[in-house]
Amino acid sequence: TVSEKDHLLDYEAIREMAIKEKPKMIWAGISGYPRYVDFEKFGAIAKEVGAYLIADVAHISGLVITGNHPDPSPHVDVITTTTHKTLRGPRGGMFLCKEEHAAALDKAVFPCLQGGPHNHTTAAIAVALKEAASPDYSVYCGQIIKNAKALAAALQEEGFDIVTGGTDNHLMLVDVTSKGLGGREAASALNKAGVVCNSNAIPFDPRKPWDPSGLRIGTPAVTSRGMKEEEMKTIAKWISEVLANIQDGGTQTRVKGEVKELCDQFPAPGIAS
């Protein structure tokens, strides 16, 4: 539940809903929310109504462990996360929980849901977690946020409406309807130009879910390549050019070539470098 005024989480409305519905479990997770989540407030709400609280930090786990986002662990019963996304590991997932819930969760995972262990994935997760404990990784996560803020600001300079007015984490939601576009059309044109993003609903979106009003754009991948704030200005300019010439294949082809030139200057670690 977010406020209609500023699109920020409305914790009082969430509390009122919890008191009314009396849920057994509250799930606090984000996939397209660009601001901090106040897990302490969620914890107080869950305690008031006697509910378990689960924090899904799949998108922000890397930011959490480096201190770039508030830590949910003092306030929740269970934390779930993927091991890819900002954690930069292989595709997978993890549960973290209070000791009192460990036996039940272990039993639910094995043998109920999972049979054969993927040892190669476990090994890759171990590598990712070792990297995440390094000082370089903390710098990386800090740069993700700097880049996201810079990209959001540059897009605003290009005349785009950024949901909530900016970002505190690795992503932003861009309302493209002010440009006379839908999210699906915009994402398709950008993908053809080498700028990969996805269409995404925005708060109180009047459009259909399969063609929403927004784009979701994140900065972890470009940050992994070593790009910084100056490159975010270039990316914002490309986005603006492509969407201003949505039917122009020539613009898409030109921008795609410029994207490749920039990526050649910032090769992917361990692949092109």
C-alpha atoms as a PDB file:
ATOM      1  CA  THR A   1       0.000   0.000   0.000  1.00  0.00           C
ATOM      2  CA  VAL A   2       1.490   3.307  -1.086  1.00  0.00           C
ATOM      3  CA  SER A   3       0.285   6.865  -0.760  1.00  0.00           C
ATOM      4  CA  GLU A   4      -1.551   8.352  -3.722  1.00  0.00           C
ATOM      5  CA  LYS A   5       0.239  11.634  -3.025  1.00  0.00           C
ATOM      6  CA  ASP A   6       3.906  10.624  -3.161  1.00  0.00           C
ATOM      7  CA  HIS A   7       3.784   6.877  -3.947  1.00  0.00           C
ATOM      8  CA  LEU A   8       5.760   6.060  -0.790  1.00  0.00           C
ATOM      9  CA  LEU A   9       4.804   3.163   1.462  1.00  0.00           C
ATOM     10  CA  ASP A  10       1.945   4.256   3.710  1.00  0.00           C
ATOM     11  CA  TYR A  11       2.732   2.481   6.965  1.00  0.00           C
ATOM     12  CA  GLU A  12      -0.370   3.741   8.781  1.00  0.00           C
ATOM     13  CA  ALA A  13      -2.589   2.410   5.982  1.00  0.00           C
ATOM     14  CA  ILE A  14      -0.692  -0.890   6.135  1.00  0.00           C
ATOM     15  CA  ARG A  15      -1.227  -1.010   9.913  1.00  0.00           C
ATOM     16  CA  GLU A  16      -4.948  -0.324   9.542  1.00  0.00           C
ATOM     17  CA  MET A  17      -5.240  -3.061   6.921  1.00  0.00           C
ATOM     18  CA  ALA A  18      -3.399  -5.523   9.166  1.00  0.00           C
ATOM     19  CA  ILE A  19      -5.649  -4.719  12.135  1.00  0.00           C
ATOM     20  CA  LYS A  20      -8.725  -5.214   9.964  1.00  0.00           C
ATOM     21  CA  GLU A  21      -7.641  -8.413   8.186  1.00  0.00           C
ATOM     22  CA  LYS A  22      -5.640 -10.013  11.045  1.00  0.00           C
ATOM     23  CA  PRO A  23      -3.217 -11.922   8.779  1.00  0.00           C
ATOM     24  CA  LYS A  24      -1.169 -14.811  10.099  1.00  0.00           C
ATOM     25  CA  MET A  25       1.767 -13.665   7.992  1.00  0.00           C
ATOM     26  CA  ILE A  26       2.914 -10.329   6.560  1.00  0.00           C
ATOM     27  CA  TRP A  27       5.244 -10.426   3.579  1.00  0.00           C
ATOM     28  CA  ALA A  28       7.343  -7.286   3.126  1.00  0.00           C
ATOM     29  CA  GLY A  29       9.018  -7.473  -0.245  1.00  0.00           C
ATOM     30  CA  ILE A  30       9.774  -5.229  -3.187  1.00  0.00           C
ATOM     31  CA  SER A  31      10.551  -5.684  -6.846  1.00  0.00           C
ATOM     32  CA  GLY A  32       9.768  -2.236  -8.186  1.00  0.00           C
ATOM     33  CA  TYR A  33       9.925   0.052  -5.139  1.00  0.00           C
ATOM     34  CA  PRO A  34      12.794   2.557  -5.370  1.00  0.00           C
ATOM     35  CA  ARG A  35      12.902   3.734  -1.752  1.00  0.00           C
ATOM     36  CA  TYR A  36      14.021   2.390   1.617  1.00  0.00           C
ATOM     37  CA  VAL A  37      11.710  -0.079   3.334  1.00  0.00           C
ATOM     38  CA  ASP A  38      11.245   0.591   7.054  1.00  0.00           C
ATOM     39  CA  PHE A  39      11.348  -2.957   8.379  1.00  0.00           C
ATOM     40  CA  GLU A  40      11.183  -1.688  11.958  1.00  0.00           C
ATOM     41  CA  LYS A  41       7.717  -0.261  11.273  1.00  0.00           C
ATOM     42  CA  PHE A  42       6.675  -3.486   9.565  1.00  0.00           C
ATOM     43  CA  GLY A  43       7.946  -5.386  12.619  1.00  0.00           C
ATOM     44  CA  ALA A  44       5.864  -3.265  14.968  1.00  0.00           C
ATOM     45  CA  ILE A  45       2.764  -3.831  12.827  1.00  0.00           C
ATOM     46  CA  ALA A  46       3.327  -7.597  12.719  1.00  0.00           C
ATOM     47  CA  LYS A  47       3.845  -7.732  16.480  1.00  0.00           C
ATOM     48  CA  GLU A  48       0.670  -5.718  17.098  1.00  0.00           C
ATOM     49  CA  VAL A  49      -1.508  -8.139  15.120  1.00  0.00           C
ATOM     50  CA  GLY A  50       0.367 -11.315  16.095  1.00  0.00           C
ATOM     51  CA  ALA A  51       1.597 -12.108  12.592  1.00  0.00           C
ATOM     52  CA  TYR A  52       4.816 -13.630  11.366  1.00  0.00           C
ATOM     53  CA  LEU A  53       6.880 -11.175   9.315  1.00  0.00           C
ATOM     54  CA  ILE A  54       8.871 -12.215   6.258  1.00  0.00           C
ATOM     55  CA  ALA A  55      11.204  -9.812   4.478  1.00  0.00           C
ATOM     56  CA  ASP A  56      11.887 -10.548   0.828  1.00  0.00           C
ATOM     57  CA  VAL A  57      15.174  -8.781   0.071  1.00  0.00           C
ATOM     58  CA  ALA A  58      15.848 -10.548  -3.234  1.00  0.00           C
ATOM     59  CA  HIS A  59      16.514  -7.285  -5.042  1.00  0.00           C
ATOM     60  CA  ILE A  60      18.348  -5.459  -2.269  1.00  0.00           C
ATOM     61  CA  SER A  61      20.272  -8.146  -0.363  1.00  0.00           C
ATOM     62  CA  GLY A  62      23.626  -6.832  -1.574  1.00  0.00           C
ATOM     63  CA  LEU A  63      22.685  -3.343  -0.473  1.00  0.00           C
ATOM     64  CA  VAL A  64      21.515  -4.622   2.918  1.00  0.00           C
ATOM     65  CA  ILE A  65      24.688  -6.524   3.791  1.00  0.00           C
ATOM     66  CA  THR A  66      26.885  -3.559   2.865  1.00  0.00           C
ATOM     67  CA  GLY A  67      24.876  -1.123   4.975  1.00  0.00           C
ATOM     68  CA  ASN A  68      23.350   0.684   2.012  1.00  0.00           C
ATOM     69  CA  HIS A  69      19.798  -0.263   3.004  1.00  0.00           C
ATOM     70  CA  PRO A  70      18.221  -0.759   6.462  1.00  0.00           C
ATOM     71  CA  ASP A  71      18.741  -4.278   7.833  1.00  0.00           C
ATOM     72  CA  PRO A  72      15.528  -6.276   8.340  1.00  0.00           C
ATOM     73  CA  SER A  73      17.067  -8.983  10.548  1.00  0.00           C
ATOM     74  CA  PRO A  74      16.292  -7.444  13.984  1.00  0.00           C
ATOM     75  CA  HIS A  75      12.629  -7.043  13.090  1.00  0.00           C
ATOM     76  CA  VAL A  76      11.508 -10.103  11.110  1.00  0.00           C
ATOM     77  CA  ASP A  77      11.033 -13.839  11.559  1.00  0.00           C
ATOM     78  CA  VAL A  78      12.313 -14.919   8.156  1.00  0.00           C
ATOM     79  CA  ILE A  79      14.364 -13.322   5.383  1.00  0.00           C
ATOM     80  CA  THR A  80      14.231 -14.633   1.829  1.00  0.00           C
ATOM     81  CA  THR A  81      16.588 -13.637  -0.953  1.00  0.00           C
ATOM     82  CA  THR A  82      17.758 -14.691  -4.338  1.00  0.00           C
ATOM     83  CA  THR A  83      21.477 -15.196  -4.775  1.00  0.00           C
ATOM     84  CA  HIS A  84      21.658 -13.363  -8.080  1.00  0.00           C
ATOM     85  CA  LYS A  85      20.536  -9.730  -8.581  1.00  0.00           C
ATOM     86  CA  THR A  86      22.582  -7.358  -6.379  1.00  0.00           C
ATOM     87  CA  LEU A  87      24.279 -10.304  -4.671  1.00  0.00           C
ATOM     88  CA  ARG A  88      25.787 -11.175  -8.088  1.00  0.00           C
ATOM     89  CA  GLY A  89      25.845 -14.922  -7.585  1.00  0.00           C
ATOM     90  CA  PRO A  90      24.264 -17.794  -9.527  1.00  0.00           C
ATOM     91  CA  ARG A  91      20.528 -18.137  -9.883  1.00  0.00           C
ATOM     92  CA  GLY A  92      19.267 -19.510  -6.577  1.00  0.00           C
ATOM     93  CA  GLY A  93      17.731 -18.565  -3.270  1.00  0.00           C
ATOM     94  CA  MET A  94      18.252 -18.602   0.482  1.00  0.00           C
ATOM     95  CA  PHE A  95      16.208 -18.510   3.673  1.00  0.00           C
ATOM     96  CA  LEU A  96      17.535 -16.857   6.815  1.00  0.00           C
ATOM     97  CA  CYS A  97      15.426 -17.248   9.936  1.00  0.00           C
ATOM     98  CA  LYS A  98      15.243 -17.195  13.700  1.00  0.00           C
ATOM     99  CA  GLU A  99      16.367 -20.478  15.248  1.00  0.00           C
ATOM    100  CA  GLU A 100      12.843 -21.293  16.393  1.00  0.00           C
ATOM    101  CA  HIS A 101      11.702 -21.553  12.755  1.00  0.00           C
ATOM    102  CA  ALA A 102      14.708 -23.449  11.387  1.00  0.00           C
ATOM    103  CA  ALA A 103      13.408 -27.011  11.739  1.00  0.00           C
ATOM    104  CA  ALA A 104      10.074 -26.223  10.074  1.00  0.00           C
ATOM    105  CA  LEU A 105      11.742 -24.436   7.170  1.00  0.00           C
ATOM    106  CA  ASP A 106      14.317 -27.186   6.690  1.00  0.00           C
ATOM    107  CA  LYS A 107      11.554 -29.790   6.556  1.00  0.00           C
ATOM    108  CA  ALA A 108       9.531 -27.707   4.087  1.00  0.00           C
ATOM    109  CA  VAL A 109      12.502 -27.399   1.734  1.00  0.00           C
ATOM    110  CA  PHE A 110      13.713 -31.005   2.003  1.00  0.00           C
ATOM    111  CA  PRO A 111      12.195 -33.440   1.343  1.00  0.00           C
ATOM    112  CA  CYS A 112       8.948 -31.586   0.556  1.00  0.00           C
ATOM    113  CA  LEU A 113      10.200 -29.256  -2.188  1.00  0.00           C
ATOM    114  CA  GLN A 114      13.789 -30.091  -3.036  1.00  0.00           C
ATOM    115  CA  GLY A 115      15.433 -33.410  -3.730  1.00  0.00           C
ATOM    116  CA  GLY A 116      18.770 -33.298  -5.516  1.00  0.00           C
ATOM    117  CA  PRO A 117      21.299 -30.749  -4.305  1.00  0.00           C
ATOM    118  CA  HIS A 118      22.989 -28.696  -7.033  1.00  0.00           C
ATOM    119  CA  ASN A 119      26.520 -28.702  -5.691  1.00  0.00           C
ATOM    120  CA  HIS A 120      27.866 -26.557  -8.518  1.00  0.00           C
ATOM    121  CA  THR A 121      25.347 -23.864  -7.588  1.00  0.00           C
ATOM    122  CA  THR A 122      26.221 -24.160  -3.904  1.00  0.00           C
ATOM    123  CA  ALA A 123      29.891 -23.681  -4.764  1.00  0.00           C
ATOM    124  CA  ALA A 124      29.078 -20.613  -6.867  1.00  0.00           C
ATOM    125  CA  ILE A 125      26.983 -19.171  -4.027  1.00  0.00           C
ATOM    126  CA  ALA A 126      29.969 -19.628  -1.710  1.00  0.00           C
ATOM    127  CA  VAL A 127      32.140 -17.652  -4.134  1.00  0.00           C
ATOM    128  CA  ALA A 128      29.529 -14.888  -4.356  1.00  0.00           C
ATOM    129  CA  LEU A 129      29.243 -14.667  -0.568  1.00  0.00           C
ATOM    130  CA  LYS A 130      33.026 -14.500  -0.219  1.00  0.00           C
ATOM    131  CA  GLU A 131      33.086 -11.638  -2.738  1.00  0.00           C
ATOM    132  CA  ALA A 132      30.253  -9.939  -0.860  1.00  0.00           C
ATOM    133  CA  ALA A 133      32.369  -9.917   2.304  1.00  0.00           C
ATOM    134  CA  SER A 134      35.151  -7.941   0.607  1.00  0.00           C
ATOM    135  CA  PRO A 135      35.727  -4.168   0.841  1.00  0.00           C
ATOM    136  CA  ASP A 136      35.536  -3.938  -2.968  1.00  0.00           C
ATOM    137  CA  TYR A 137      31.990  -5.276  -2.907  1.00  0.00           C
ATOM    138  CA  SER A 138      30.920  -2.603  -0.450  1.00  0.00           C
ATOM    139  CA  VAL A 139      32.346   0.044  -2.786  1.00  0.00           C
ATOM    140  CA  TYR A 140      30.500  -1.611  -5.673  1.00  0.00           C
ATOM    141  CA  CYS A 141      27.137  -1.464  -3.897  1.00  0.00           C
ATOM    142  CA  GLY A 142      27.695   2.157  -2.958  1.00  0.00           C
ATOM    143  CA  GLN A 143      28.390   2.953  -6.609  1.00  0.00           C
ATOM    144  CA  ILE A 144      25.210   1.145  -7.681  1.00  0.00           C
ATOM    145  CA  ILE A 145      23.201   3.659  -5.666  1.00  0.00           C
ATOM    146  CA  LYS A 146      25.246   6.644  -6.841  1.00  0.00           C
ATOM    147  CA  ASN A 147      24.660   5.534 -10.428  1.00  0.00           C
ATOM    148  CA  ALA A 148      20.941   5.005  -9.865  1.00  0.00           C
ATOM    149  CA  LYS A 149      20.564   8.469  -8.365  1.00  0.00           C
ATOM    150  CA  ALA A 150      22.564   9.974 -11.233  1.00  0.00           C
ATOM    151  CA  LEU A 151      20.529   8.140 -13.881  1.00  0.00           C
ATOM    152  CA  ALA A 152      17.223   9.127 -12.279  1.00  0.00           C
ATOM    153  CA  ALA A 153      18.321  12.766 -12.100  1.00  0.00           C
ATOM    154  CA  ALA A 154      19.516  12.720 -15.719  1.00  0.00           C
ATOM    155  CA  LEU A 155      16.210  11.235 -16.879  1.00  0.00           C
ATOM    156  CA  GLN A 156      14.371  13.973 -15.010  1.00  0.00           C
ATOM    157  CA  GLU A 157      16.521  16.494 -16.867  1.00  0.00           C
ATOM    158  CA  GLU A 158      15.328  14.837 -20.074  1.00  0.00           C
ATOM    159  CA  GLY A 159      11.731  15.466 -19.025  1.00  0.00           C
ATOM    160  CA  PHE A 160      10.791  12.042 -17.654  1.00  0.00           C
ATOM    161  CA  ASP A 161       8.633  11.564 -14.569  1.00  0.00           C
ATOM    162  CA  ILE A 162      10.419   9.389 -12.002  1.00  0.00           C
ATOM    163  CA  VAL A 163       8.049   7.635  -9.591  1.00  0.00           C
ATOM    164  CA  THR A 164       8.584   8.943  -6.009  1.00  0.00           C
ATOM    165  CA  GLY A 165      10.862  11.611  -7.469  1.00  0.00           C
ATOM    166  CA  GLY A 166      14.044   9.553  -7.297  1.00  0.00           C
ATOM    167  CA  THR A 167      15.573   6.438  -5.763  1.00  0.00           C
ATOM    168  CA  ASP A 168      17.344   5.178  -2.642  1.00  0.00           C
ATOM    169  CA  ASN A 169      18.417   1.847  -4.099  1.00  0.00           C
ATOM    170  CA  HIS A 170      19.457   0.225  -7.374  1.00  0.00           C
ATOM    171  CA  LEU A 171      16.361   0.868  -9.468  1.00  0.00           C
ATOM    172  CA  MET A 172      13.938   3.492 -10.638  1.00  0.00           C
ATOM    173  CA  LEU A 173      10.470   3.505 -12.161  1.00  0.00           C
ATOM    174  CA  VAL A 174      10.016   5.820 -15.127  1.00  0.00           C
ATOM    175  CA  ASP A 175       6.515   6.921 -16.124  1.00  0.00           C
ATOM    176  CA  VAL A 176       6.629   7.154 -19.929  1.00  0.00           C
ATOM    177  CA  THR A 177       3.012   8.192 -20.452  1.00  0.00           C
ATOM    178  CA  SER A 178       4.048  11.848 -20.379  1.00  0.00           C
ATOM    179  CA  LYS A 179       5.871  11.057 -23.615  1.00  0.00           C
ATOM    180  CA  GLY A 180       2.707   9.586 -25.093  1.00  0.00           C
ATOM    181  CA  LEU A 181       4.017   6.025 -24.761  1.00  0.00           C
ATOM    182  CA  GLY A 182       3.192   2.780 -22.999  1.00  0.00           C
ATOM    183  CA  GLY A 183       5.764   0.761 -21.116  1.00  0.00           C
ATOM    184  CA  ARG A 184       5.754  -2.237 -23.443  1.00  0.00           C
ATOM    185  CA  GLU A 185       6.323  -0.118 -26.551  1.00  0.00           C
ATOM    186  CA  ALA A 186       9.074   1.858 -24.829  1.00  0.00           C
ATOM    187  CA  ALA A 187      10.873  -1.233 -23.516  1.00  0.00           C
ATOM    188  CA  SER A 188      10.751  -2.893 -26.936  1.00  0.00           C
ATOM    189  CA  ALA A 189      12.289   0.121 -28.676  1.00  0.00           C
ATOM    190  CA  LEU A 190      15.028   0.431 -26.062  1.00  0.00           C
ATOM    191  CA  ASN A 191      15.845  -3.276 -26.246  1.00  0.00           C
ATOM    192  CA  LYS A 192      16.319  -2.915 -30.011  1.00  0.00           C
ATOM    193  CA  ALA A 193      18.730  -0.076 -29.278  1.00  0.00           C
ATOM    194  CA  GLY A 194      20.759  -2.167 -26.822  1.00  0.00           C
ATOM    195  CA  VAL A 195      19.357  -0.580 -23.662  1.00  0.00           C
ATOM    196  CA  VAL A 196      17.760  -3.484 -21.806  1.00  0.00           C
ATOM    197  CA  CYS A 197      14.938  -2.763 -19.364  1.00  0.00           C
ATOM    198  CA  ASN A 198      11.403  -3.970 -18.773  1.00  0.00           C
ATOM    199  CA  SER A 199       7.926  -2.496 -18.742  1.00  0.00           C
ATOM    200  CA  ASN A 200       6.501  -2.152 -15.249  1.00  0.00           C
ATOM    201  CA  ALA A 201       3.320  -0.989 -13.598  1.00  0.00           C
ATOM    202  CA  ILE A 202       3.450   2.229 -11.618  1.00  0.00           C
ATOM    203  CA  PRO A 203       1.346   2.999  -8.527  1.00  0.00           C
ATOM    204  CA  PHE A 204      -2.348   3.377  -9.365  1.00  0.00           C
ATOM    205  CA  ASP A 205      -1.561   2.539 -12.977  1.00  0.00           C
ATOM    206  CA  PRO A 206      -4.613   3.112 -15.201  1.00  0.00           C
ATOM    207  CA  ARG A 207      -3.220   0.927 -17.986  1.00  0.00           C
ATOM    208  CA  LYS A 208      -3.496  -2.848 -18.359  1.00  0.00           C
ATOM    209  CA  PRO A 209      -0.837  -5.030 -16.627  1.00  0.00           C
ATOM    210  CA  TRP A 210       0.440  -6.375 -19.949  1.00  0.00           C
ATOM    211  CA  ASP A 211       1.083  -2.825 -21.216  1.00  0.00           C
ATOM    212  CA  PRO A 212       1.690  -0.683 -18.139  1.00  0.00           C
ATOM    213  CA  SER A 213       2.723   2.950 -17.876  1.00  0.00           C
ATOM    214  CA  GLY A 214       6.271   2.540 -16.699  1.00  0.00           C
ATOM    215  CA  LEU A 215       9.762   1.244 -17.244  1.00  0.00           C
ATOM    216  CA  ARG A 216      11.893  -0.363 -14.550  1.00  0.00           C
ATOM    217  CA  ILE A 217      15.579   0.435 -14.943  1.00  0.00           C
ATOM    218  CA  GLY A 218      18.431  -0.741 -12.709  1.00  0.00           C
ATOM    219  CA  THR A 219      22.140  -0.019 -12.431  1.00  0.00           C
ATOM    220  CA  PRO A 220      23.875  -3.166 -11.029  1.00  0.00           C
ATOM    221  CA  ALA A 221      24.985  -4.518 -14.436  1.00  0.00           C
ATOM    222  CA  VAL A 222      26.478  -1.283 -15.740  1.00  0.00           C
ATOM    223  CA  THR A 223      28.126  -0.730 -12.352  1.00  0.00           C
ATOM    224  CA  SER A 224      29.701  -4.196 -12.541  1.00  0.00           C
ATOM    225  CA  ARG A 225      31.301  -3.038 -15.792  1.00  0.00           C
ATOM    226  CA  GLY A 226      32.830  -0.074 -13.980  1.00  0.00           C
ATOM    227  CA  MET A 227      30.563   2.685 -15.267  1.00  0.00           C
ATOM    228  CA  LYS A 228      29.978   5.707 -13.060  1.00  0.00           C
ATOM    229  CA  GLU A 229      27.845   8.835 -12.896  1.00  0.00           C
ATOM    230  CA  GLU A 230      29.086  10.373 -16.149  1.00  0.00           C
ATOM    231  CA  GLU A 231      28.074   7.280 -18.116  1.00  0.00           C
ATOM    232  CA  MET A 232      24.600   7.463 -16.563  1.00  0.00           C
ATOM    233  CA  LYS A 233      24.109  10.841 -18.251  1.00  0.00           C
ATOM    234  CA  THR A 234      24.957   9.219 -21.577  1.00  0.00           C
ATOM    235  CA  ILE A 235      22.502   6.375 -20.973  1.00  0.00           C
ATOM    236  CA  ALA A 236      19.745   8.847 -20.079  1.00  0.00           C
ATOM    237  CA  LYS A 237      20.428  10.728 -23.307  1.00  0.00           C
ATOM    238  CA  TRP A 238      20.126   7.498 -25.318  1.00  0.00           C
ATOM    239  CA  ILE A 239      16.852   6.608 -23.613  1.00  0.00           C
ATOM    240  CA  SER A 240      15.472  10.039 -24.398  1.00  0.00           C
ATOM    241  CA  GLU A 241      16.591   9.906 -28.037  1.00  0.00           C
ATOM    242  CA  VAL A 242      15.151   6.449 -28.679  1.00  0.00           C
ATOM    243  CA  LEU A 243      11.807   7.195 -27.054  1.00  0.00           C
ATOM    244  CA  ALA A 244      11.519  10.551 -28.812  1.00  0.00           C
ATOM    245  CA  ASN A 245      11.945   8.696 -32.119  1.00  0.00           C
ATOM    246  CA  ILE A 246      10.050   5.541 -31.232  1.00  0.00           C
ATOM    247  CA  GLN A 247       9.365   4.456 -34.830  1.00  0.00           C
ATOM    248  CA  ASP A 248      12.792   5.391 -36.180  1.00  0.00           C
ATOM    249  CA  GLY A 249      14.856   2.278 -36.758  1.00  0.00           C
ATOM    250  CA  GLY A 250      17.797   4.455 -37.746  1.00  0.00           C
ATOM    251  CA  THR A 251      17.948   6.016 -34.289  1.00  0.00           C
ATOM    252  CA  GLN A 252      17.779   2.582 -32.682  1.00  0.00           C
ATOM    253  CA  THR A 253      20.600   1.282 -34.895  1.00  0.00           C
ATOM    254  CA  ARG A 254      22.813   4.316 -34.208  1.00  0.00           C
ATOM    255  CA  VAL A 255      22.264   4.144 -30.456  1.00  0.00           C
ATOM    256  CA  LYS A 256      22.914   0.392 -30.463  1.00  0.00           C
ATOM    257  CA  GLY A 257      26.293   1.048 -32.064  1.00  0.00           C
ATOM    258  CA  GLU A 258      27.101   3.726 -29.491  1.00  0.00           C
ATOM    259  CA  VAL A 259      26.054   1.360 -26.695  1.00  0.00           C
ATOM    260  CA  LYS A 260      28.495  -1.247 -28.005  1.00  0.00           C
ATOM    261  CA  GLU A 261      31.286   1.327 -28.164  1.00  0.00           C
ATOM    262  CA  LEU A 262      30.675   2.277 -24.534  1.00  0.00           C
ATOM    263  CA  CYS A 263      30.493  -1.351 -23.414  1.00  0.00           C
ATOM    264  CA  ASP A 264      33.775  -2.054 -25.206  1.00  0.00           C
ATOM    265  CA  GLN A 265      35.339   0.614 -22.990  1.00  0.00           C
ATOM    266  CA  PHE A 266      33.900  -1.104 -19.899  1.00  0.00           C
ATOM    267  CA  PRO A 267      34.220  -4.862 -20.524  1.00  0.00           C
ATOM    268  CA  ALA A 268      32.260  -7.294 -18.379  1.00  0.00           C
ATOM    269  CA  PRO A 269      34.507  -8.653 -15.597  1.00  0.00           C
ATOM    270  CA  GLY A 270      35.673 -12.189 -16.257  1.00  0.00           C
ATOM    271  CA  ILE A 271      34.177 -12.329 -19.748  1.00  0.00           C
ATOM    272  CA  ALA A 272      35.590  -9.669 -22.039  1.00  0.00           C
ATOM    273  CA  SER A 273      38.327  -8.369 -19.758  1.00  0.00           C
END
